[in-house]
Amino acid sequence: MANSNIHKHEEGHGHGHHHHQAGDNIKVAFFLNLSFTVIELIGGLWINSVAILSDALHDLGDSLSLGLAWYFEKVAKRQSDAKFTFGYKRFSLLGAVINSVVLLVGSIIILTEAIPRIWNPEPVNAVGMMGFAVLGVVVNGAAVLRLKGGESINEKVVRLHLMEDVLGWVAVLIGGIILYFFDWPVIDPLLSLGITVFVLYNVVRNLRQSIKILLQGTPANISTENVKAKLKAMLHIASVHDLHIWTMDGTYNIMSVHAVVPHTISPEQTSALKQAIRKEMADIGISHVTIELEVPGEVCSFEGCEPPA
């Protein structure tokens, strides 16, 4: 019987300089963001603005993301070993879950402070609020420019988060201008509520995605029915079963499958079939494929296998 394991790894050959550049970019953005987070936490308390404290929470979450992204740029270069045979890609999910939990708890704390202020608004230092907003746009804008053109997934995700921060600070700036000209202190808790709800929406969405990956759910962009149809349409494959598709980190997708082929298939045809399967699956985003070839009538003991013909 022909059993074969097909492994296609996405190795980072020749990309050492890029990894180093990505790590440096994220490191600079991390220290910029973390330093400013500390400043705005102090400033938010000083000028009595829950809107700034809410954005500080958002920036704290981004600082955690940046720190973990910086760390995992290094971890991602590690090869698989005896302890982690699939490599270290899934470690980033642990960071995502930790980050989500921290933001979730922080958002609840901010909401308990902001909601009562809607009915009992407190005076806010409008000039200080505008000053911090301008500084927020500058600092986060500088971090975005630092990551501009970055090719790594970490860089792209972090850049998106920082762009959200810039927009959040623009909203705080508008709120500060309104407070400067009009005595509407309710603007501050309303801004806080809007920013916190936005943060919560993204936290819940990211947490759901992370949990689905940890539970080995099928990647959202891959259809098992489509994979079955593609395999069955290939020459020599009579049927497929025991099909499993999952992802390591949301981008590196893995598949294992049993395929029934004729008794008469030759070694040359088997080799060509492996190459064809490898190419077909790579085209739809599956990077690592393990396939077991069986002949009609062969007993398969795995759950979901077809009965002998």
C-alpha atoms as a PDB file:
ATOM      1  CA  MET A   1       0.000   0.000   0.000  1.00  0.00           C
ATOM      2  CA  ALA A   2       1.238   3.482  -0.774  1.00  0.00           C
ATOM      3  CA  ASN A   3       1.326   5.723   2.305  1.00  0.00           C
ATOM      4  CA  SER A   4       2.873   9.125   1.919  1.00  0.00           C
ATOM      5  CA  ASN A   5       3.331  12.302   3.897  1.00  0.00           C
ATOM      6  CA  ILE A   6       3.450  15.502   1.934  1.00  0.00           C
ATOM      7  CA  HIS A   7       4.895  18.464   3.772  1.00  0.00           C
ATOM      8  CA  LYS A   8       5.180  21.882   2.287  1.00  0.00           C
ATOM      9  CA  HIS A   9       6.709  24.416   4.659  1.00  0.00           C
ATOM     10  CA  GLU A  10       6.850  28.133   4.063  1.00  0.00           C
ATOM     11  CA  GLU A  11      10.456  28.729   4.981  1.00  0.00           C
ATOM     12  CA  GLY A  12      11.837  32.223   5.324  1.00  0.00           C
ATOM     13  CA  HIS A  13      14.929  31.582   3.157  1.00  0.00           C
ATOM     14  CA  GLY A  14      16.839  34.735   2.444  1.00  0.00           C
ATOM     15  CA  HIS A  15      14.595  36.906   4.570  1.00  0.00           C
ATOM     16  CA  GLY A  16      16.818  37.337   7.621  1.00  0.00           C
ATOM     17  CA  HIS A  17      17.321  41.033   6.894  1.00  0.00           C
ATOM     18  CA  HIS A  18      13.567  41.566   6.475  1.00  0.00           C
ATOM     19  CA  HIS A  19      12.833  39.856   9.810  1.00  0.00           C
ATOM     20  CA  HIS A  20      15.449  42.052  11.468  1.00  0.00           C
ATOM     21  CA  GLN A  21      13.955  45.190   9.866  1.00  0.00           C
ATOM     22  CA  ALA A  22      10.417  44.181  10.901  1.00  0.00           C
ATOM     23  CA  GLY A  23      11.552  43.565  14.466  1.00  0.00           C
ATOM     24  CA  ASP A  24      13.299  46.964  14.623  1.00  0.00           C
ATOM     25  CA  ASN A  25      10.261  48.799  13.224  1.00  0.00           C
ATOM     26  CA  ILE A  26       7.901  47.182  15.729  1.00  0.00           C
ATOM     27  CA  LYS A  27      10.372  47.807  18.586  1.00  0.00           C
ATOM     28  CA  VAL A  28      10.445  51.559  17.854  1.00  0.00           C
ATOM     29  CA  ALA A  29       6.635  51.683  17.538  1.00  0.00           C
ATOM     30  CA  PHE A  30       6.325  49.748  20.823  1.00  0.00           C
ATOM     31  CA  PHE A  31       8.461  52.171  22.843  1.00  0.00           C
ATOM     32  CA  LEU A  32       6.727  55.195  21.271  1.00  0.00           C
ATOM     33  CA  ASN A  33       3.306  53.802  22.116  1.00  0.00           C
ATOM     34  CA  LEU A  34       4.173  52.581  25.620  1.00  0.00           C
ATOM     35  CA  SER A  35       5.800  55.878  26.616  1.00  0.00           C
ATOM     36  CA  PHE A  36       2.809  57.845  25.393  1.00  0.00           C
ATOM     37  CA  THR A  37       0.382  55.474  27.148  1.00  0.00           C
ATOM     38  CA  VAL A  38       2.037  56.251  30.505  1.00  0.00           C
ATOM     39  CA  ILE A  39       1.917  60.008  29.753  1.00  0.00           C
ATOM     40  CA  GLU A  40      -1.775  59.951  28.780  1.00  0.00           C
ATOM     41  CA  LEU A  41      -2.770  57.856  31.820  1.00  0.00           C
ATOM     42  CA  ILE A  42      -1.238  60.530  34.053  1.00  0.00           C
ATOM     43  CA  GLY A  43      -2.647  63.319  31.897  1.00  0.00           C
ATOM     44  CA  GLY A  44      -6.134  61.807  31.747  1.00  0.00           C
ATOM     45  CA  LEU A  45      -6.275  61.763  35.536  1.00  0.00           C
ATOM     46  CA  TRP A  46      -4.827  65.273  35.719  1.00  0.00           C
ATOM     47  CA  ILE A  47      -7.321  66.940  33.344  1.00  0.00           C
ATOM     48  CA  ASN A  48     -10.185  64.686  34.544  1.00  0.00           C
ATOM     49  CA  SER A  49     -11.018  63.260  31.090  1.00  0.00           C
ATOM     50  CA  VAL A  50     -12.458  59.757  30.822  1.00  0.00           C
ATOM     51  CA  ALA A  51     -12.192  60.079  27.018  1.00  0.00           C
ATOM     52  CA  ILE A  52      -8.402  60.331  27.306  1.00  0.00           C
ATOM     53  CA  LEU A  53      -8.360  57.500  29.850  1.00  0.00           C
ATOM     54  CA  SER A  54     -10.391  55.390  27.375  1.00  0.00           C
ATOM     55  CA  ASP A  55      -7.903  56.112  24.615  1.00  0.00           C
ATOM     56  CA  ALA A  56      -5.107  55.350  27.064  1.00  0.00           C
ATOM     57  CA  LEU A  57      -6.681  51.927  27.519  1.00  0.00           C
ATOM     58  CA  HIS A  58      -6.785  51.505  23.733  1.00  0.00           C
ATOM     59  CA  ASP A  59      -3.111  52.515  23.532  1.00  0.00           C
ATOM     60  CA  LEU A  60      -2.235  50.131  26.363  1.00  0.00           C
ATOM     61  CA  GLY A  61      -3.806  47.311  24.353  1.00  0.00           C
ATOM     62  CA  ASP A  62      -1.829  48.364  21.301  1.00  0.00           C
ATOM     63  CA  SER A  63       1.348  48.522  23.405  1.00  0.00           C
ATOM     64  CA  LEU A  64       0.724  44.929  24.491  1.00  0.00           C
ATOM     65  CA  SER A  65       0.102  43.964  20.858  1.00  0.00           C
ATOM     66  CA  LEU A  66       3.286  45.731  19.761  1.00  0.00           C
ATOM     67  CA  GLY A  67       5.347  44.119  22.516  1.00  0.00           C
ATOM     68  CA  LEU A  68       4.044  40.659  21.727  1.00  0.00           C
ATOM     69  CA  ALA A  69       4.440  41.260  17.977  1.00  0.00           C
ATOM     70  CA  TRP A  70       8.053  42.328  18.552  1.00  0.00           C
ATOM     71  CA  TYR A  71       8.699  39.196  20.590  1.00  0.00           C
ATOM     72  CA  PHE A  72       7.004  36.883  18.097  1.00  0.00           C
ATOM     73  CA  GLU A  73       8.935  38.335  15.166  1.00  0.00           C
ATOM     74  CA  LYS A  74      11.889  36.659  16.898  1.00  0.00           C
ATOM     75  CA  VAL A  75      10.006  33.493  17.871  1.00  0.00           C
ATOM     76  CA  ALA A  76       8.665  33.052  14.328  1.00  0.00           C
ATOM     77  CA  LYS A  77      12.218  32.449  13.086  1.00  0.00           C
ATOM     78  CA  ARG A  78      12.607  29.364  15.273  1.00  0.00           C
ATOM     79  CA  GLN A  79      12.422  26.060  13.475  1.00  0.00           C
ATOM     80  CA  SER A  80      10.275  23.173  14.667  1.00  0.00           C
ATOM     81  CA  ASP A  81      11.887  20.934  17.281  1.00  0.00           C
ATOM     82  CA  ALA A  82      11.125  17.847  19.366  1.00  0.00           C
ATOM     83  CA  LYS A  83       8.954  19.875  21.765  1.00  0.00           C
ATOM     84  CA  PHE A  84       6.965  21.764  19.107  1.00  0.00           C
ATOM     85  CA  THR A  85       6.962  19.732  15.905  1.00  0.00           C
ATOM     86  CA  PHE A  86       4.736  22.270  14.114  1.00  0.00           C
ATOM     87  CA  GLY A  87       6.984  25.153  15.163  1.00  0.00           C
ATOM     88  CA  TYR A  88       6.226  28.192  17.315  1.00  0.00           C
ATOM     89  CA  LYS A  89       3.608  30.006  15.229  1.00  0.00           C
ATOM     90  CA  ARG A  90       0.733  29.326  17.624  1.00  0.00           C
ATOM     91  CA  PHE A  91       2.479  31.118  20.507  1.00  0.00           C
ATOM     92  CA  SER A  92       1.201  34.394  19.052  1.00  0.00           C
ATOM     93  CA  LEU A  93      -2.350  33.256  19.837  1.00  0.00           C
ATOM     94  CA  LEU A  94      -1.500  33.080  23.517  1.00  0.00           C
ATOM     95  CA  GLY A  95      -0.443  36.705  23.325  1.00  0.00           C
ATOM     96  CA  ALA A  96      -3.658  37.629  21.521  1.00  0.00           C
ATOM     97  CA  VAL A  97      -5.783  35.982  24.222  1.00  0.00           C
ATOM     98  CA  ILE A  98      -3.838  37.678  27.048  1.00  0.00           C
ATOM     99  CA  ASN A  99      -4.147  41.021  25.268  1.00  0.00           C
ATOM    100  CA  SER A 100      -7.906  40.542  24.791  1.00  0.00           C
ATOM    101  CA  VAL A 101      -8.504  39.678  28.439  1.00  0.00           C
ATOM    102  CA  VAL A 102      -6.529  42.733  29.621  1.00  0.00           C
ATOM    103  CA  LEU A 103      -8.528  45.013  27.293  1.00  0.00           C
ATOM    104  CA  LEU A 104     -11.820  43.391  28.300  1.00  0.00           C
ATOM    105  CA  VAL A 105     -11.204  44.014  32.015  1.00  0.00           C
ATOM    106  CA  GLY A 106      -9.918  47.534  31.344  1.00  0.00           C
ATOM    107  CA  SER A 107     -12.942  48.400  29.190  1.00  0.00           C
ATOM    108  CA  ILE A 108     -15.339  47.338  31.943  1.00  0.00           C
ATOM    109  CA  ILE A 109     -13.475  49.552  34.444  1.00  0.00           C
ATOM    110  CA  ILE A 110     -13.629  52.537  32.062  1.00  0.00           C
ATOM    111  CA  LEU A 111     -17.367  51.983  31.416  1.00  0.00           C
ATOM    112  CA  THR A 112     -18.132  51.952  35.146  1.00  0.00           C
ATOM    113  CA  GLU A 113     -16.489  55.391  35.325  1.00  0.00           C
ATOM    114  CA  ALA A 114     -17.848  56.893  32.085  1.00  0.00           C
ATOM    115  CA  ILE A 115     -21.534  55.855  32.200  1.00  0.00           C
ATOM    116  CA  PRO A 116     -22.372  57.630  35.522  1.00  0.00           C
ATOM    117  CA  ARG A 117     -20.716  60.789  34.133  1.00  0.00           C
ATOM    118  CA  ILE A 118     -23.257  60.955  31.301  1.00  0.00           C
ATOM    119  CA  TRP A 119     -25.898  61.908  33.894  1.00  0.00           C
ATOM    120  CA  ASN A 120     -23.501  63.764  36.182  1.00  0.00           C
ATOM    121  CA  PRO A 121     -20.810  65.236  33.903  1.00  0.00           C
ATOM    122  CA  GLU A 122     -17.723  66.687  35.556  1.00  0.00           C
ATOM    123  CA  PRO A 123     -15.686  69.685  34.344  1.00  0.00           C
ATOM    124  CA  VAL A 124     -12.820  68.873  31.987  1.00  0.00           C
ATOM    125  CA  ASN A 125      -9.708  70.849  31.087  1.00  0.00           C
ATOM    126  CA  ALA A 126     -10.496  71.476  27.395  1.00  0.00           C
ATOM    127  CA  VAL A 127      -7.088  72.980  26.584  1.00  0.00           C
ATOM    128  CA  GLY A 128      -5.297  69.996  28.133  1.00  0.00           C
ATOM    129  CA  MET A 129      -7.621  67.639  26.264  1.00  0.00           C
ATOM    130  CA  MET A 130      -6.774  69.305  22.927  1.00  0.00           C
ATOM    131  CA  GLY A 131      -3.058  69.275  23.763  1.00  0.00           C
ATOM    132  CA  PHE A 132      -3.051  65.558  24.459  1.00  0.00           C
ATOM    133  CA  ALA A 133      -5.112  64.902  21.325  1.00  0.00           C
ATOM    134  CA  VAL A 134      -2.582  66.723  19.122  1.00  0.00           C
ATOM    135  CA  LEU A 135       0.279  64.845  20.819  1.00  0.00           C
ATOM    136  CA  GLY A 136      -1.636  61.577  20.317  1.00  0.00           C
ATOM    137  CA  VAL A 137      -2.051  62.211  16.595  1.00  0.00           C
ATOM    138  CA  VAL A 138       1.676  63.062  16.261  1.00  0.00           C
ATOM    139  CA  VAL A 139       3.005  60.075  18.262  1.00  0.00           C
ATOM    140  CA  ASN A 140       0.711  57.479  16.707  1.00  0.00           C
ATOM    141  CA  GLY A 141       1.209  59.026  13.270  1.00  0.00           C
ATOM    142  CA  ALA A 142       4.982  58.713  13.699  1.00  0.00           C
ATOM    143  CA  ALA A 143       4.573  55.033  14.634  1.00  0.00           C
ATOM    144  CA  VAL A 144       2.399  54.454  11.534  1.00  0.00           C
ATOM    145  CA  LEU A 145       5.047  56.071   9.310  1.00  0.00           C
ATOM    146  CA  ARG A 146       7.719  53.890  10.929  1.00  0.00           C
ATOM    147  CA  LEU A 147       5.756  50.789   9.907  1.00  0.00           C
ATOM    148  CA  LYS A 148       4.801  52.114   6.457  1.00  0.00           C
ATOM    149  CA  GLY A 149       5.691  49.616   3.750  1.00  0.00           C
ATOM    150  CA  GLY A 150       6.223  46.761   6.206  1.00  0.00           C
ATOM    151  CA  GLU A 151       5.496  43.380   4.654  1.00  0.00           C
ATOM    152  CA  SER A 152       5.158  41.104   7.675  1.00  0.00           C
ATOM    153  CA  ILE A 153       1.708  40.197   8.990  1.00  0.00           C
ATOM    154  CA  ASN A 154       2.666  41.581  12.394  1.00  0.00           C
ATOM    155  CA  GLU A 155       3.599  44.937  10.882  1.00  0.00           C
ATOM    156  CA  LYS A 156       0.386  45.180   8.855  1.00  0.00           C
ATOM    157  CA  VAL A 157      -1.867  44.342  11.815  1.00  0.00           C
ATOM    158  CA  VAL A 158      -0.021  46.716  14.151  1.00  0.00           C
ATOM    159  CA  ARG A 159      -0.148  49.499  11.541  1.00  0.00           C
ATOM    160  CA  LEU A 160      -3.913  49.091  11.305  1.00  0.00           C
ATOM    161  CA  HIS A 161      -4.257  49.366  15.100  1.00  0.00           C
ATOM    162  CA  LEU A 162      -2.165  52.523  15.167  1.00  0.00           C
ATOM    163  CA  MET A 163      -4.285  54.063  12.397  1.00  0.00           C
ATOM    164  CA  GLU A 164      -7.324  53.403  14.589  1.00  0.00           C
ATOM    165  CA  ASP A 165      -5.519  55.261  17.392  1.00  0.00           C
ATOM    166  CA  VAL A 166      -4.918  58.276  15.148  1.00  0.00           C
ATOM    167  CA  LEU A 167      -8.627  58.407  14.303  1.00  0.00           C
ATOM    168  CA  GLY A 168      -9.507  58.063  18.005  1.00  0.00           C
ATOM    169  CA  TRP A 169      -7.318  61.039  18.872  1.00  0.00           C
ATOM    170  CA  VAL A 170      -8.868  63.095  16.076  1.00  0.00           C
ATOM    171  CA  ALA A 171     -12.254  62.413  17.742  1.00  0.00           C
ATOM    172  CA  VAL A 172     -10.843  63.508  21.143  1.00  0.00           C
ATOM    173  CA  LEU A 173      -9.436  66.664  19.507  1.00  0.00           C
ATOM    174  CA  ILE A 174     -12.871  67.528  18.063  1.00  0.00           C
ATOM    175  CA  GLY A 175     -14.398  66.906  21.508  1.00  0.00           C
ATOM    176  CA  GLY A 176     -11.822  69.213  23.112  1.00  0.00           C
ATOM    177  CA  ILE A 177     -12.563  71.983  20.603  1.00  0.00           C
ATOM    178  CA  ILE A 178     -16.314  71.682  21.310  1.00  0.00           C
ATOM    179  CA  LEU A 179     -15.660  71.828  25.071  1.00  0.00           C
ATOM    180  CA  TYR A 180     -13.442  74.889  24.627  1.00  0.00           C
ATOM    181  CA  PHE A 181     -16.217  76.886  22.954  1.00  0.00           C
ATOM    182  CA  PHE A 182     -19.285  75.345  24.593  1.00  0.00           C
ATOM    183  CA  ASP A 183     -19.959  74.248  28.165  1.00  0.00           C
ATOM    184  CA  TRP A 184     -20.983  70.701  27.270  1.00  0.00           C
ATOM    185  CA  PRO A 185     -18.972  68.470  29.641  1.00  0.00           C
ATOM    186  CA  VAL A 186     -21.166  65.494  28.664  1.00  0.00           C
ATOM    187  CA  ILE A 187     -19.114  65.332  25.428  1.00  0.00           C
ATOM    188  CA  ASP A 188     -16.219  63.761  27.369  1.00  0.00           C
ATOM    189  CA  PRO A 189     -18.055  60.675  28.762  1.00  0.00           C
ATOM    190  CA  LEU A 190     -19.881  60.236  25.424  1.00  0.00           C
ATOM    191  CA  LEU A 191     -16.534  60.142  23.599  1.00  0.00           C
ATOM    192  CA  SER A 192     -15.258  57.706  26.210  1.00  0.00           C
ATOM    193  CA  LEU A 193     -18.286  55.486  25.682  1.00  0.00           C
ATOM    194  CA  GLY A 194     -17.829  55.498  21.904  1.00  0.00           C
ATOM    195  CA  ILE A 195     -14.105  54.682  22.077  1.00  0.00           C
ATOM    196  CA  THR A 196     -14.616  51.923  24.664  1.00  0.00           C
ATOM    197  CA  VAL A 197     -17.455  50.289  22.711  1.00  0.00           C
ATOM    198  CA  PHE A 198     -15.216  50.335  19.618  1.00  0.00           C
ATOM    199  CA  VAL A 199     -12.390  48.696  21.601  1.00  0.00           C
ATOM    200  CA  LEU A 200     -14.785  46.067  23.024  1.00  0.00           C
ATOM    201  CA  TYR A 201     -16.112  45.247  19.542  1.00  0.00           C
ATOM    202  CA  ASN A 202     -12.592  44.545  18.275  1.00  0.00           C
ATOM    203  CA  VAL A 203     -11.629  42.634  21.435  1.00  0.00           C
ATOM    204  CA  VAL A 204     -14.618  40.286  21.157  1.00  0.00           C
ATOM    205  CA  ARG A 205     -14.015  39.767  17.435  1.00  0.00           C
ATOM    206  CA  ASN A 206     -10.311  38.993  17.929  1.00  0.00           C
ATOM    207  CA  LEU A 207     -11.029  36.730  20.902  1.00  0.00           C
ATOM    208  CA  ARG A 208     -13.559  34.729  18.890  1.00  0.00           C
ATOM    209  CA  GLN A 209     -11.037  34.282  16.062  1.00  0.00           C
ATOM    210  CA  SER A 210      -8.283  33.235  18.474  1.00  0.00           C
ATOM    211  CA  ILE A 211     -10.499  30.713  20.263  1.00  0.00           C
ATOM    212  CA  LYS A 212     -11.650  29.220  16.939  1.00  0.00           C
ATOM    213  CA  ILE A 213      -8.016  28.711  15.927  1.00  0.00           C
ATOM    214  CA  LEU A 214      -7.116  27.188  19.308  1.00  0.00           C
ATOM    215  CA  LEU A 215     -10.082  24.797  18.955  1.00  0.00           C
ATOM    216  CA  GLN A 216      -8.768  23.828  15.492  1.00  0.00           C
ATOM    217  CA  GLY A 217     -11.757  25.147  13.574  1.00  0.00           C
ATOM    218  CA  THR A 218     -11.667  25.157   9.777  1.00  0.00           C
ATOM    219  CA  PRO A 219     -10.165  28.435   8.450  1.00  0.00           C
ATOM    220  CA  ALA A 220     -12.916  30.853   7.408  1.00  0.00           C
ATOM    221  CA  ASN A 221     -11.462  31.345   3.926  1.00  0.00           C
ATOM    222  CA  ILE A 222     -11.334  27.618   3.094  1.00  0.00           C
ATOM    223  CA  SER A 223     -14.339  25.415   2.236  1.00  0.00           C
ATOM    224  CA  THR A 224     -14.023  21.696   3.026  1.00  0.00           C
ATOM    225  CA  GLU A 225     -16.568  20.932   0.301  1.00  0.00           C
ATOM    226  CA  ASN A 226     -14.464  22.866  -2.207  1.00  0.00           C
ATOM    227  CA  VAL A 227     -11.350  20.954  -1.121  1.00  0.00           C
ATOM    228  CA  LYS A 228     -13.166  17.606  -1.494  1.00  0.00           C
ATOM    229  CA  ALA A 229     -14.404  18.570  -4.948  1.00  0.00           C
ATOM    230  CA  LYS A 230     -10.918  19.583  -6.086  1.00  0.00           C
ATOM    231  CA  LEU A 231      -9.403  16.321  -4.813  1.00  0.00           C
ATOM    232  CA  LYS A 232     -12.113  14.105  -6.311  1.00  0.00           C
ATOM    233  CA  ALA A 233     -11.691  15.832  -9.664  1.00  0.00           C
ATOM    234  CA  MET A 234      -8.019  14.836  -9.798  1.00  0.00           C
ATOM    235  CA  LEU A 235      -6.860  11.912 -11.901  1.00  0.00           C
ATOM    236  CA  HIS A 236      -6.676   8.536 -10.033  1.00  0.00           C
ATOM    237  CA  ILE A 237      -8.554   9.716  -6.912  1.00  0.00           C
ATOM    238  CA  ALA A 238     -11.800   7.736  -6.550  1.00  0.00           C
ATOM    239  CA  SER A 239     -12.846   9.222  -3.190  1.00  0.00           C
ATOM    240  CA  VAL A 240     -11.529  11.035  -0.123  1.00  0.00           C
ATOM    241  CA  HIS A 241     -12.320  10.723   3.586  1.00  0.00           C
ATOM    242  CA  ASP A 242     -10.978  11.581   7.052  1.00  0.00           C
ATOM    243  CA  LEU A 243     -10.401  15.143   5.829  1.00  0.00           C
ATOM    244  CA  HIS A 244      -9.175  17.650   8.436  1.00  0.00           C
ATOM    245  CA  ILE A 245      -8.237  21.294   7.828  1.00  0.00           C
ATOM    246  CA  TRP A 246      -7.022  23.668  10.527  1.00  0.00           C
ATOM    247  CA  THR A 247      -4.667  26.612  10.945  1.00  0.00           C
ATOM    248  CA  MET A 248      -1.691  27.249  13.192  1.00  0.00           C
ATOM    249  CA  ASP A 249      -1.995  31.016  13.488  1.00  0.00           C
ATOM    250  CA  GLY A 250      -4.667  32.185  11.043  1.00  0.00           C
ATOM    251  CA  THR A 251      -2.312  32.223   8.041  1.00  0.00           C
ATOM    252  CA  TYR A 252      -0.400  28.910   8.044  1.00  0.00           C
ATOM    253  CA  ASN A 253      -3.048  26.311   7.131  1.00  0.00           C
ATOM    254  CA  ILE A 254      -2.684  22.540   7.482  1.00  0.00           C
ATOM    255  CA  MET A 255      -4.592  19.601   5.997  1.00  0.00           C
ATOM    256  CA  SER A 256      -4.618  15.825   6.392  1.00  0.00           C
ATOM    257  CA  VAL A 257      -6.696  13.456   4.242  1.00  0.00           C
ATOM    258  CA  HIS A 258      -7.092   9.843   3.132  1.00  0.00           C
ATOM    259  CA  ALA A 259      -7.573   9.276  -0.613  1.00  0.00           C
ATOM    260  CA  VAL A 260      -8.615   6.063  -2.372  1.00  0.00           C
ATOM    261  CA  VAL A 261      -6.650   5.283  -5.564  1.00  0.00           C
ATOM    262  CA  PRO A 262      -6.650   2.261  -7.954  1.00  0.00           C
ATOM    263  CA  HIS A 263      -4.602  -0.908  -7.286  1.00  0.00           C
ATOM    264  CA  THR A 264      -2.918  -0.342 -10.635  1.00  0.00           C
ATOM    265  CA  ILE A 265      -1.408   3.057  -9.861  1.00  0.00           C
ATOM    266  CA  SER A 266       2.345   3.087 -10.536  1.00  0.00           C
ATOM    267  CA  PRO A 267       5.068   4.719  -8.399  1.00  0.00           C
ATOM    268  CA  GLU A 268       5.536   7.365 -11.108  1.00  0.00           C
ATOM    269  CA  GLN A 269       1.802   8.135 -11.139  1.00  0.00           C
ATOM    270  CA  THR A 270       1.788   8.261  -7.318  1.00  0.00           C
ATOM    271  CA  SER A 271       4.620  10.789  -7.355  1.00  0.00           C
ATOM    272  CA  ALA A 272       2.864  12.928  -9.961  1.00  0.00           C
ATOM    273  CA  LEU A 273      -0.365  12.770  -7.947  1.00  0.00           C
ATOM    274  CA  LYS A 274       1.440  14.002  -4.837  1.00  0.00           C
ATOM    275  CA  GLN A 275       2.896  16.936  -6.755  1.00  0.00           C
ATOM    276  CA  ALA A 276      -0.521  17.787  -8.215  1.00  0.00           C
ATOM    277  CA  ILE A 277      -2.194  17.697  -4.781  1.00  0.00           C
ATOM    278  CA  ARG A 278       0.596  19.823  -3.312  1.00  0.00           C
ATOM    279  CA  LYS A 279       0.149  22.486  -5.994  1.00  0.00           C
ATOM    280  CA  GLU A 280      -3.676  22.430  -5.924  1.00  0.00           C
ATOM    281  CA  MET A 281      -3.832  22.904  -2.149  1.00  0.00           C
ATOM    282  CA  ALA A 282      -1.135  25.608  -2.131  1.00  0.00           C
ATOM    283  CA  ASP A 283      -3.248  27.569  -4.642  1.00  0.00           C
ATOM    284  CA  ILE A 284      -6.095  27.817  -2.112  1.00  0.00           C
ATOM    285  CA  GLY A 285      -3.876  28.697   0.849  1.00  0.00           C
ATOM    286  CA  ILE A 286      -3.098  25.304   2.432  1.00  0.00           C
ATOM    287  CA  SER A 287       0.626  25.268   3.192  1.00  0.00           C
ATOM    288  CA  HIS A 288       1.160  21.904   4.869  1.00  0.00           C
ATOM    289  CA  VAL A 289      -0.485  18.732   3.496  1.00  0.00           C
ATOM    290  CA  THR A 290      -0.385  15.163   4.801  1.00  0.00           C
ATOM    291  CA  ILE A 291      -2.094  12.550   2.613  1.00  0.00           C
ATOM    292  CA  GLU A 292      -2.519   8.808   3.031  1.00  0.00           C
ATOM    293  CA  LEU A 293      -3.233   6.851  -0.146  1.00  0.00           C
ATOM    294  CA  GLU A 294      -5.389   3.713   0.116  1.00  0.00           C
ATOM    295  CA  VAL A 295      -6.617   1.114  -2.371  1.00  0.00           C
ATOM    296  CA  PRO A 296     -10.256  -0.038  -2.636  1.00  0.00           C
ATOM    297  CA  GLY A 297     -11.079  -2.611   0.039  1.00  0.00           C
ATOM    298  CA  GLU A 298      -8.302  -1.575   2.389  1.00  0.00           C
ATOM    299  CA  VAL A 299      -9.491  -1.432   6.010  1.00  0.00           C
ATOM    300  CA  CYS A 300      -9.208   2.059   7.496  1.00  0.00           C
ATOM    301  CA  SER A 301      -9.514   2.229  11.275  1.00  0.00           C
ATOM    302  CA  PHE A 302      -9.922   6.004  11.596  1.00  0.00           C
ATOM    303  CA  GLU A 303     -13.266   7.569  12.394  1.00  0.00           C
ATOM    304  CA  GLY A 304     -15.028   8.771   9.279  1.00  0.00           C
ATOM    305  CA  CYS A 305     -13.326   6.301   6.960  1.00  0.00           C
ATOM    306  CA  GLU A 306     -15.347   4.616   4.264  1.00  0.00           C
ATOM    307  CA  PRO A 307     -16.169   0.874   4.516  1.00  0.00           C
ATOM    308  CA  PRO A 308     -14.130  -1.489   2.317  1.00  0.00           C
ATOM    309  CA  ALA A 309     -15.513  -1.719  -1.231  1.00  0.00           C
END
